[in-house]
Amino acid sequence: MRRITGETVPGYLPLAAFVRNGTVDLLDLSGHVISIGLTDIKYICYVRDFNLNDTANPERLTRRTFLARPRTEGLWLRLTFRTEDQLEGLAPIDASLLDDLIGDAGLQLIPPDIRSNTQRVYVPRTAITDLQLLAVITTPSRKKPLPKSAATSLQSELFNTPLPPNTRTN
């Protein structure tokens, strides 16, 4: 977890439903529960390793924007924090986006570099000053099959059209 002040607090949280009454109860590495207000949190990174020796960037969130259009499906968002720095990420297209905004009072994002130490980022609404939707990334379009009733009606119209009188053959 990174606070607005820049301080990092390593610990454990579930993936969802961890915000209660405007606070987050974090289980720190010594086994104590620390309550931190959402207004003090800049973002929470779900990481593979805590990297406690790295005091400057333990979450190793080095690339904060996408180099090109993302390949994964989702909403490509750009967030501007109260500290005036930015972060891009992919949010889900389904209703879980709204569930996160309402229930957890923030957004769950997949960061630009999924091979880095950070696998997922939670950003509380109180830390965001600007939110831009850059694109809706979907799978490549496929031809949708016509319903059977439409296909048969098109076919019957095609072959049941009378020919002009001079072109009839016996």
N, C-alpha and C. Protein backbone atom coordinates (compact mmCIF):
# COMPACT_ATOMS: atom_id res chain seq x y z
N MET A 1 0.86 -1.17 0.00
CA MET A 1 0.00 0.00 0.00
C MET A 1 0.90 1.23 0.00
N ARG A 2 0.57 2.19 -0.83
CA ARG A 2 1.30 3.45 -0.85
C ARG A 2 0.36 4.55 -0.40
N ARG A 3 0.83 5.30 0.58
CA ARG A 3 0.05 6.44 1.07
C ARG A 3 0.25 7.66 0.20
N ILE A 4 -0.61 8.64 0.33
CA ILE A 4 -0.49 9.90 -0.41
C ILE A 4 0.84 10.57 -0.10
N THR A 5 1.34 10.40 1.11
CA THR A 5 2.60 11.00 1.52
C THR A 5 3.82 10.33 0.88
N GLY A 6 3.63 9.16 0.22
CA GLY A 6 4.72 8.45 -0.42
C GLY A 6 5.22 7.26 0.38
N GLU A 7 4.83 7.16 1.63
CA GLU A 7 5.23 6.05 2.49
C GLU A 7 4.57 4.75 2.03
N THR A 8 5.33 3.65 2.09
CA THR A 8 4.75 2.35 1.74
C THR A 8 4.51 1.55 3.02
N VAL A 9 3.41 0.79 3.01
CA VAL A 9 3.05 -0.06 4.13
C VAL A 9 2.77 -1.46 3.58
N PRO A 10 3.71 -2.41 3.75
CA PRO A 10 3.46 -3.76 3.23
C PRO A 10 2.49 -4.52 4.13
N GLY A 11 1.69 -5.37 3.49
CA GLY A 11 0.74 -6.16 4.26
C GLY A 11 -0.16 -6.98 3.35
N TYR A 12 -1.19 -7.56 3.97
CA TYR A 12 -2.09 -8.46 3.25
C TYR A 12 -3.51 -7.94 3.28
N LEU A 13 -4.19 -8.09 2.12
CA LEU A 13 -5.60 -7.72 1.97
C LEU A 13 -6.28 -8.74 1.07
N PRO A 14 -7.58 -8.92 1.24
CA PRO A 14 -8.30 -9.74 0.25
C PRO A 14 -8.44 -8.95 -1.05
N LEU A 15 -8.89 -9.61 -2.12
CA LEU A 15 -9.03 -8.94 -3.41
C LEU A 15 -10.22 -7.98 -3.46
N ALA A 16 -11.25 -8.24 -2.66
CA ALA A 16 -12.45 -7.39 -2.69
C ALA A 16 -13.07 -7.32 -1.30
N ALA A 17 -13.96 -6.37 -1.14
CA ALA A 17 -14.72 -6.17 0.11
C ALA A 17 -13.82 -5.95 1.32
N PHE A 18 -12.80 -5.12 1.15
CA PHE A 18 -11.90 -4.84 2.27
C PHE A 18 -12.07 -3.44 2.84
N VAL A 19 -12.95 -2.64 2.25
CA VAL A 19 -13.21 -1.29 2.74
C VAL A 19 -14.43 -1.32 3.65
N ARG A 20 -14.26 -0.83 4.87
CA ARG A 20 -15.36 -0.76 5.83
C ARG A 20 -15.35 0.60 6.50
N ASN A 21 -16.45 1.30 6.37
CA ASN A 21 -16.61 2.62 7.00
C ASN A 21 -15.50 3.59 6.63
N GLY A 22 -15.09 3.56 5.37
CA GLY A 22 -14.08 4.50 4.89
C GLY A 22 -12.66 4.17 5.31
N THR A 23 -12.43 2.96 5.83
CA THR A 23 -11.09 2.56 6.23
C THR A 23 -10.76 1.18 5.65
N VAL A 24 -9.48 0.91 5.58
CA VAL A 24 -8.97 -0.38 5.15
C VAL A 24 -8.22 -0.99 6.33
N ASP A 25 -8.56 -2.22 6.67
CA ASP A 25 -7.86 -2.94 7.72
C ASP A 25 -6.82 -3.84 7.08
N LEU A 26 -5.56 -3.43 7.19
CA LEU A 26 -4.44 -4.13 6.59
C LEU A 26 -3.77 -5.01 7.63
N LEU A 27 -3.51 -6.26 7.28
CA LEU A 27 -2.75 -7.16 8.14
C LEU A 27 -1.28 -6.96 7.79
N ASP A 28 -0.51 -6.34 8.70
CA ASP A 28 0.89 -6.06 8.38
C ASP A 28 1.73 -7.33 8.50
N LEU A 29 3.01 -7.23 8.20
CA LEU A 29 3.88 -8.40 8.17
C LEU A 29 4.15 -8.99 9.54
N SER A 30 3.92 -8.24 10.59
CA SER A 30 4.12 -8.77 11.95
C SER A 30 2.84 -9.38 12.51
N GLY A 31 1.75 -9.35 11.75
CA GLY A 31 0.50 -9.97 12.19
C GLY A 31 -0.46 -9.03 12.88
N HIS A 32 -0.19 -7.74 12.89
CA HIS A 32 -1.07 -6.75 13.50
C HIS A 32 -1.99 -6.14 12.44
N VAL A 33 -3.19 -5.79 12.85
CA VAL A 33 -4.13 -5.15 11.94
C VAL A 33 -3.99 -3.63 12.09
N ILE A 34 -3.77 -2.97 10.96
CA ILE A 34 -3.63 -1.51 10.94
C ILE A 34 -4.82 -0.95 10.17
N SER A 35 -5.53 0.00 10.75
CA SER A 35 -6.63 0.67 10.06
C SER A 35 -6.12 1.95 9.43
N ILE A 36 -6.33 2.08 8.13
CA ILE A 36 -5.87 3.26 7.40
C ILE A 36 -7.06 3.83 6.64
N GLY A 37 -7.30 5.12 6.76
CA GLY A 37 -8.39 5.78 6.07
C GLY A 37 -8.17 5.85 4.57
N LEU A 38 -9.25 5.76 3.81
CA LEU A 38 -9.13 5.82 2.35
C LEU A 38 -8.53 7.14 1.87
N THR A 39 -8.76 8.21 2.60
CA THR A 39 -8.22 9.51 2.18
C THR A 39 -6.70 9.56 2.28
N ASP A 40 -6.09 8.64 3.06
CA ASP A 40 -4.63 8.59 3.21
C ASP A 40 -3.97 7.66 2.20
N ILE A 41 -4.77 6.91 1.42
CA ILE A 41 -4.22 5.90 0.52
C ILE A 41 -4.16 6.45 -0.91
N LYS A 42 -2.99 6.30 -1.55
CA LYS A 42 -2.85 6.66 -2.95
C LYS A 42 -3.26 5.47 -3.82
N TYR A 43 -2.67 4.32 -3.58
CA TYR A 43 -3.07 3.08 -4.26
C TYR A 43 -2.57 1.89 -3.46
N ILE A 44 -3.18 0.75 -3.76
CA ILE A 44 -2.79 -0.52 -3.15
C ILE A 44 -2.38 -1.43 -4.30
N CYS A 45 -1.16 -1.96 -4.22
CA CYS A 45 -0.66 -2.87 -5.25
C CYS A 45 -0.67 -4.29 -4.72
N TYR A 46 -1.24 -5.19 -5.50
CA TYR A 46 -1.17 -6.61 -5.20
C TYR A 46 0.07 -7.13 -5.92
N VAL A 47 1.07 -7.54 -5.12
CA VAL A 47 2.39 -7.84 -5.65
C VAL A 47 2.74 -9.31 -5.47
N ARG A 48 3.73 -9.75 -6.25
CA ARG A 48 4.25 -11.11 -6.11
C ARG A 48 5.22 -11.20 -4.94
N ASP A 49 6.00 -10.14 -4.72
CA ASP A 49 7.01 -10.12 -3.68
C ASP A 49 7.02 -8.73 -3.06
N PHE A 50 7.23 -8.66 -1.74
CA PHE A 50 7.20 -7.36 -1.06
C PHE A 50 8.43 -6.50 -1.35
N ASN A 51 9.58 -7.08 -1.70
CA ASN A 51 10.81 -6.32 -2.00
C ASN A 51 11.12 -5.30 -0.90
N LEU A 52 11.24 -5.76 0.32
CA LEU A 52 11.44 -4.88 1.46
C LEU A 52 12.77 -4.14 1.43
N ASN A 53 13.74 -4.63 0.67
CA ASN A 53 15.04 -3.94 0.57
C ASN A 53 14.97 -2.71 -0.30
N ASP A 54 13.99 -2.63 -1.17
CA ASP A 54 13.83 -1.47 -2.06
C ASP A 54 12.87 -0.49 -1.38
N THR A 55 13.40 0.59 -0.85
CA THR A 55 12.56 1.56 -0.13
C THR A 55 11.90 2.57 -1.06
N ALA A 56 12.46 2.78 -2.24
CA ALA A 56 11.92 3.78 -3.15
C ALA A 56 10.74 3.24 -3.96
N ASN A 57 10.85 2.03 -4.50
CA ASN A 57 9.81 1.48 -5.37
C ASN A 57 9.67 -0.03 -5.13
N PRO A 58 9.20 -0.45 -3.95
CA PRO A 58 9.10 -1.88 -3.67
C PRO A 58 8.07 -2.60 -4.54
N GLU A 59 7.04 -1.89 -5.00
CA GLU A 59 6.04 -2.54 -5.85
C GLU A 59 6.53 -2.71 -7.28
N ARG A 60 7.65 -2.07 -7.61
CA ARG A 60 8.28 -2.14 -8.93
C ARG A 60 7.29 -1.80 -10.03
N LEU A 61 6.55 -0.75 -9.79
CA LEU A 61 5.58 -0.24 -10.76
C LEU A 61 6.31 0.81 -11.61
N THR A 62 7.20 0.33 -12.48
CA THR A 62 8.06 1.24 -13.24
C THR A 62 7.36 1.83 -14.45
N ARG A 63 6.66 0.99 -15.22
CA ARG A 63 5.95 1.51 -16.39
C ARG A 63 4.54 1.85 -15.97
N ARG A 64 4.19 3.11 -16.05
CA ARG A 64 2.90 3.58 -15.56
C ARG A 64 1.92 3.88 -16.69
N THR A 65 2.38 3.76 -17.94
CA THR A 65 1.52 3.95 -19.10
C THR A 65 1.77 2.83 -20.09
N PHE A 66 0.81 2.57 -20.95
CA PHE A 66 0.97 1.57 -22.00
C PHE A 66 1.82 2.14 -23.12
N LEU A 67 2.70 1.33 -23.68
CA LEU A 67 3.54 1.76 -24.80
C LEU A 67 2.75 1.79 -26.10
N ALA A 68 1.76 0.93 -26.21
CA ALA A 68 0.89 0.85 -27.38
C ALA A 68 -0.50 0.43 -26.90
N ARG A 69 -1.40 0.23 -27.83
CA ARG A 69 -2.75 -0.20 -27.49
C ARG A 69 -2.68 -1.54 -26.77
N PRO A 70 -3.35 -1.68 -25.61
CA PRO A 70 -3.32 -2.95 -24.89
C PRO A 70 -3.95 -4.07 -25.71
N ARG A 71 -3.48 -5.28 -25.49
CA ARG A 71 -4.02 -6.44 -26.21
C ARG A 71 -5.11 -7.14 -25.41
N THR A 72 -5.15 -6.91 -24.13
CA THR A 72 -6.13 -7.55 -23.28
C THR A 72 -7.44 -6.77 -23.33
N GLU A 73 -8.54 -7.49 -23.21
CA GLU A 73 -9.86 -6.86 -23.24
C GLU A 73 -10.10 -6.06 -21.96
N GLY A 74 -10.70 -4.88 -22.08
CA GLY A 74 -11.03 -4.06 -20.91
C GLY A 74 -11.19 -2.60 -21.28
N LEU A 75 -11.42 -1.80 -20.25
CA LEU A 75 -11.51 -0.34 -20.41
C LEU A 75 -10.14 0.24 -20.14
N TRP A 76 -9.57 0.91 -21.12
CA TRP A 76 -8.25 1.51 -20.99
C TRP A 76 -8.46 2.86 -20.33
N LEU A 77 -8.01 3.00 -19.08
CA LEU A 77 -8.22 4.20 -18.29
C LEU A 77 -6.91 4.90 -17.98
N ARG A 78 -6.98 6.22 -17.85
CA ARG A 78 -5.86 7.02 -17.37
C ARG A 78 -6.34 7.78 -16.15
N LEU A 79 -5.66 7.56 -15.03
CA LEU A 79 -6.00 8.22 -13.77
C LEU A 79 -4.98 9.29 -13.45
N THR A 80 -5.44 10.41 -12.96
CA THR A 80 -4.55 11.44 -12.43
C THR A 80 -4.79 11.51 -10.93
N PHE A 81 -3.71 11.39 -10.16
CA PHE A 81 -3.80 11.39 -8.71
C PHE A 81 -3.79 12.81 -8.14
N ARG A 82 -4.09 12.92 -6.88
CA ARG A 82 -4.02 14.22 -6.19
C ARG A 82 -2.59 14.74 -6.19
N THR A 83 -1.62 13.85 -6.27
CA THR A 83 -0.21 14.26 -6.32
C THR A 83 0.23 14.63 -7.73
N GLU A 84 -0.72 14.69 -8.68
CA GLU A 84 -0.56 15.12 -10.07
C GLU A 84 0.23 14.16 -10.94
N ASP A 85 0.55 12.95 -10.49
CA ASP A 85 1.13 11.96 -11.38
C ASP A 85 0.02 11.09 -11.94
N GLN A 86 0.34 10.32 -12.97
CA GLN A 86 -0.68 9.55 -13.68
C GLN A 86 -0.36 8.06 -13.67
N LEU A 87 -1.41 7.28 -13.88
CA LEU A 87 -1.30 5.83 -14.00
C LEU A 87 -2.36 5.37 -14.99
N GLU A 88 -1.95 4.50 -15.92
CA GLU A 88 -2.90 3.89 -16.84
C GLU A 88 -3.10 2.44 -16.42
N GLY A 89 -4.26 1.92 -16.78
CA GLY A 89 -4.56 0.53 -16.49
C GLY A 89 -5.80 0.07 -17.21
N LEU A 90 -6.04 -1.23 -17.12
CA LEU A 90 -7.23 -1.81 -17.72
C LEU A 90 -8.21 -2.20 -16.62
N ALA A 91 -9.44 -1.75 -16.77
CA ALA A 91 -10.51 -2.10 -15.84
C ALA A 91 -11.45 -3.07 -16.55
N PRO A 92 -12.17 -3.89 -15.80
CA PRO A 92 -13.09 -4.82 -16.44
C PRO A 92 -14.24 -4.10 -17.14
N ILE A 93 -14.76 -4.72 -18.20
CA ILE A 93 -15.88 -4.14 -18.94
C ILE A 93 -17.21 -4.50 -18.28
N ASP A 94 -17.24 -5.55 -17.50
CA ASP A 94 -18.50 -6.04 -16.94
C ASP A 94 -18.94 -5.26 -15.71
N ALA A 95 -19.97 -5.74 -15.05
CA ALA A 95 -20.57 -5.03 -13.92
C ALA A 95 -19.66 -4.99 -12.69
N SER A 96 -18.59 -5.79 -12.66
CA SER A 96 -17.70 -5.76 -11.50
C SER A 96 -17.00 -4.41 -11.36
N LEU A 97 -16.90 -3.65 -12.45
CA LEU A 97 -16.35 -2.30 -12.37
C LEU A 97 -17.21 -1.43 -11.45
N LEU A 98 -18.51 -1.50 -11.62
CA LEU A 98 -19.42 -0.72 -10.77
C LEU A 98 -19.44 -1.26 -9.35
N ASP A 99 -19.34 -2.58 -9.19
CA ASP A 99 -19.30 -3.16 -7.85
C ASP A 99 -18.11 -2.63 -7.07
N ASP A 100 -16.96 -2.55 -7.73
CA ASP A 100 -15.77 -2.02 -7.07
C ASP A 100 -15.95 -0.56 -6.69
N LEU A 101 -16.51 0.23 -7.61
CA LEU A 101 -16.70 1.65 -7.32
C LEU A 101 -17.63 1.88 -6.15
N ILE A 102 -18.69 1.07 -6.06
CA ILE A 102 -19.67 1.25 -4.99
C ILE A 102 -19.22 0.58 -3.70
N GLY A 103 -18.90 -0.71 -3.78
CA GLY A 103 -18.57 -1.48 -2.57
C GLY A 103 -17.23 -1.14 -1.97
N ASP A 104 -16.21 -1.04 -2.80
CA ASP A 104 -14.86 -0.77 -2.31
C ASP A 104 -14.45 0.68 -2.48
N ALA A 105 -15.33 1.51 -3.00
CA ALA A 105 -15.09 2.94 -3.15
C ALA A 105 -13.83 3.24 -3.95
N GLY A 106 -13.60 2.45 -5.00
CA GLY A 106 -12.44 2.68 -5.84
C GLY A 106 -12.46 1.79 -7.05
N LEU A 107 -11.33 1.77 -7.77
CA LEU A 107 -11.19 1.00 -9.01
C LEU A 107 -10.13 -0.07 -8.87
N GLN A 108 -10.39 -1.22 -9.45
CA GLN A 108 -9.38 -2.27 -9.57
C GLN A 108 -8.87 -2.22 -11.00
N LEU A 109 -7.55 -2.13 -11.18
CA LEU A 109 -6.95 -2.02 -12.50
C LEU A 109 -5.86 -3.07 -12.69
N ILE A 110 -5.67 -3.46 -13.92
CA ILE A 110 -4.51 -4.27 -14.29
C ILE A 110 -3.47 -3.28 -14.82
N PRO A 111 -2.25 -3.28 -14.27
CA PRO A 111 -1.25 -2.28 -14.68
C PRO A 111 -0.72 -2.54 -16.09
N PRO A 112 -0.03 -1.57 -16.67
CA PRO A 112 0.49 -1.71 -18.04
C PRO A 112 1.46 -2.87 -18.23
N ASP A 113 2.31 -3.15 -17.25
CA ASP A 113 3.29 -4.23 -17.39
C ASP A 113 2.91 -5.36 -16.45
N ILE A 114 2.20 -6.36 -16.96
CA ILE A 114 1.73 -7.45 -16.11
C ILE A 114 2.85 -8.43 -15.76
N ARG A 115 4.01 -8.31 -16.39
CA ARG A 115 5.13 -9.17 -16.05
C ARG A 115 5.96 -8.60 -14.90
N SER A 116 5.61 -7.39 -14.45
CA SER A 116 6.34 -6.78 -13.34
C SER A 116 5.89 -7.39 -12.02
N ASN A 117 6.33 -6.84 -10.95
CA ASN A 117 5.98 -7.34 -9.62
C ASN A 117 4.52 -7.07 -9.28
N THR A 118 3.95 -6.00 -9.78
CA THR A 118 2.56 -5.63 -9.48
C THR A 118 1.61 -6.32 -10.45
N GLN A 119 0.66 -7.07 -9.90
CA GLN A 119 -0.30 -7.79 -10.73
C GLN A 119 -1.63 -7.06 -10.85
N ARG A 120 -2.00 -6.31 -9.84
CA ARG A 120 -3.28 -5.61 -9.81
C ARG A 120 -3.12 -4.38 -8.92
N VAL A 121 -3.85 -3.31 -9.24
CA VAL A 121 -3.78 -2.07 -8.47
C VAL A 121 -5.19 -1.66 -8.09
N TYR A 122 -5.37 -1.32 -6.82
CA TYR A 122 -6.63 -0.75 -6.34
C TYR A 122 -6.38 0.72 -6.07
N VAL A 123 -7.23 1.59 -6.63
CA VAL A 123 -7.09 3.03 -6.43
C VAL A 123 -8.39 3.56 -5.83
N PRO A 124 -8.35 4.13 -4.61
CA PRO A 124 -9.58 4.69 -4.04
C PRO A 124 -10.01 5.95 -4.78
N ARG A 125 -11.32 6.19 -4.82
CA ARG A 125 -11.83 7.38 -5.50
C ARG A 125 -11.28 8.67 -4.92
N THR A 126 -10.99 8.67 -3.63
CA THR A 126 -10.48 9.89 -2.98
C THR A 126 -9.10 10.28 -3.48
N ALA A 127 -8.35 9.35 -4.09
CA ALA A 127 -7.01 9.65 -4.59
C ALA A 127 -7.03 10.16 -6.02
N ILE A 128 -8.18 10.04 -6.70
CA ILE A 128 -8.28 10.38 -8.12
C ILE A 128 -8.83 11.79 -8.30
N THR A 129 -8.12 12.60 -9.09
CA THR A 129 -8.65 13.93 -9.44
C THR A 129 -9.22 13.95 -10.85
N ASP A 130 -8.71 13.08 -11.73
CA ASP A 130 -9.19 13.03 -13.11
C ASP A 130 -9.16 11.59 -13.59
N LEU A 131 -10.22 11.20 -14.30
CA LEU A 131 -10.33 9.86 -14.85
C LEU A 131 -10.71 9.98 -16.31
N GLN A 132 -9.87 9.41 -17.20
CA GLN A 132 -10.14 9.47 -18.63
C GLN A 132 -10.29 8.06 -19.18
N LEU A 133 -11.33 7.86 -19.98
CA LEU A 133 -11.50 6.61 -20.70
C LEU A 133 -10.82 6.80 -22.05
N LEU A 134 -9.71 6.08 -22.26
CA LEU A 134 -8.95 6.23 -23.50
C LEU A 134 -9.51 5.36 -24.62
N ALA A 135 -9.95 4.15 -24.28
CA ALA A 135 -10.50 3.25 -25.31
C ALA A 135 -11.21 2.08 -24.64
N VAL A 136 -12.08 1.48 -25.41
CA VAL A 136 -12.72 0.22 -25.01
C VAL A 136 -12.08 -0.85 -25.87
N ILE A 137 -11.33 -1.74 -25.23
CA ILE A 137 -10.61 -2.78 -25.95
C ILE A 137 -11.46 -4.05 -25.91
N THR A 138 -11.82 -4.55 -27.08
CA THR A 138 -12.61 -5.77 -27.18
C THR A 138 -11.90 -6.76 -28.08
N THR A 139 -12.40 -7.97 -28.11
CA THR A 139 -11.83 -8.98 -28.99
C THR A 139 -12.14 -8.61 -30.43
N PRO A 140 -11.35 -9.08 -31.37
CA PRO A 140 -11.63 -8.76 -32.78
C PRO A 140 -13.04 -9.18 -33.16
N SER A 141 -13.66 -8.37 -33.99
CA SER A 141 -15.05 -8.65 -34.35
C SER A 141 -15.13 -9.91 -35.20
N ARG A 142 -16.13 -10.71 -34.90
CA ARG A 142 -16.40 -11.92 -35.67
C ARG A 142 -17.75 -11.78 -36.32
N LYS A 143 -17.93 -12.45 -37.44
CA LYS A 143 -19.23 -12.43 -38.09
C LYS A 143 -20.22 -13.15 -37.20
N LYS A 144 -21.29 -12.49 -36.87
CA LYS A 144 -22.30 -13.11 -36.04
C LYS A 144 -23.25 -13.89 -36.94
N PRO A 145 -23.55 -15.13 -36.57
CA PRO A 145 -24.48 -15.91 -37.40
C PRO A 145 -25.89 -15.32 -37.33
N LEU A 146 -26.56 -15.36 -38.46
CA LEU A 146 -27.95 -14.89 -38.51
C LEU A 146 -28.85 -15.90 -37.82
N PRO A 147 -29.92 -15.45 -37.21
CA PRO A 147 -30.87 -16.40 -36.66
C PRO A 147 -31.43 -17.26 -37.79
N LYS A 148 -31.81 -18.51 -37.48
CA LYS A 148 -32.28 -19.44 -38.52
C LYS A 148 -33.48 -18.90 -39.27
N SER A 149 -34.39 -18.25 -38.57
CA SER A 149 -35.58 -17.74 -39.26
C SER A 149 -35.22 -16.67 -40.28
N ALA A 150 -34.24 -15.83 -39.96
CA ALA A 150 -33.83 -14.78 -40.90
C ALA A 150 -33.10 -15.40 -42.09
N ALA A 151 -32.28 -16.40 -41.84
CA ALA A 151 -31.53 -17.03 -42.93
C ALA A 151 -32.47 -17.74 -43.90
N THR A 152 -33.46 -18.43 -43.39
CA THR A 152 -34.37 -19.13 -44.29
C THR A 152 -35.26 -18.17 -45.06
N SER A 153 -35.66 -17.07 -44.43
CA SER A 153 -36.51 -16.12 -45.15
C SER A 153 -35.73 -15.42 -46.26
N LEU A 154 -34.44 -15.14 -46.03
CA LEU A 154 -33.62 -14.53 -47.08
C LEU A 154 -33.43 -15.49 -48.23
N GLN A 155 -33.21 -16.76 -47.91
CA GLN A 155 -33.00 -17.75 -48.95
C GLN A 155 -34.27 -17.97 -49.76
N SER A 156 -35.42 -18.05 -49.09
CA SER A 156 -36.67 -18.27 -49.82
C SER A 156 -36.99 -17.08 -50.71
N GLU A 157 -36.69 -15.88 -50.27
CA GLU A 157 -36.93 -14.70 -51.10
C GLU A 157 -36.03 -14.72 -52.34
N LEU A 158 -34.82 -15.19 -52.16
CA LEU A 158 -33.86 -15.22 -53.26
C LEU A 158 -34.31 -16.17 -54.36
N PHE A 159 -34.79 -17.37 -53.99
CA PHE A 159 -35.13 -18.39 -54.98
C PHE A 159 -36.60 -18.38 -55.40
N ASN A 160 -37.44 -17.67 -54.70
CA ASN A 160 -38.86 -17.64 -55.07
C ASN A 160 -39.24 -16.38 -55.85
N THR A 161 -38.24 -15.62 -56.25
CA THR A 161 -38.51 -14.43 -57.03
C THR A 161 -38.83 -14.85 -58.46
N PRO A 162 -39.97 -14.43 -59.01
CA PRO A 162 -40.29 -14.82 -60.39
C PRO A 162 -39.33 -14.18 -61.37
N LEU A 163 -39.04 -14.90 -62.40
CA LEU A 163 -38.15 -14.39 -63.45
C LEU A 163 -38.95 -13.53 -64.42
N PRO A 164 -38.30 -12.62 -65.11
CA PRO A 164 -39.00 -11.84 -66.14
C PRO A 164 -39.57 -12.78 -67.20
N PRO A 165 -40.68 -12.41 -67.87
CA PRO A 165 -41.36 -13.33 -68.80
C PRO A 165 -40.50 -13.84 -69.95
N ASN A 166 -39.56 -13.09 -70.44
CA ASN A 166 -38.77 -13.51 -71.60
C ASN A 166 -37.65 -14.48 -71.24
N THR A 167 -37.35 -14.67 -69.94
CA THR A 167 -36.21 -15.49 -69.55
C THR A 167 -36.61 -16.86 -69.04
N ARG A 168 -37.86 -17.23 -69.10
CA ARG A 168 -38.28 -18.54 -68.59
C ARG A 168 -37.81 -19.63 -69.54
N THR A 169 -37.40 -20.71 -68.96
CA THR A 169 -36.99 -21.86 -69.75
C THR A 169 -37.84 -23.07 -69.39
N ASN A 170 -37.99 -24.00 -70.30
CA ASN A 170 -38.78 -25.20 -70.04
C ASN A 170 -37.90 -26.36 -69.74
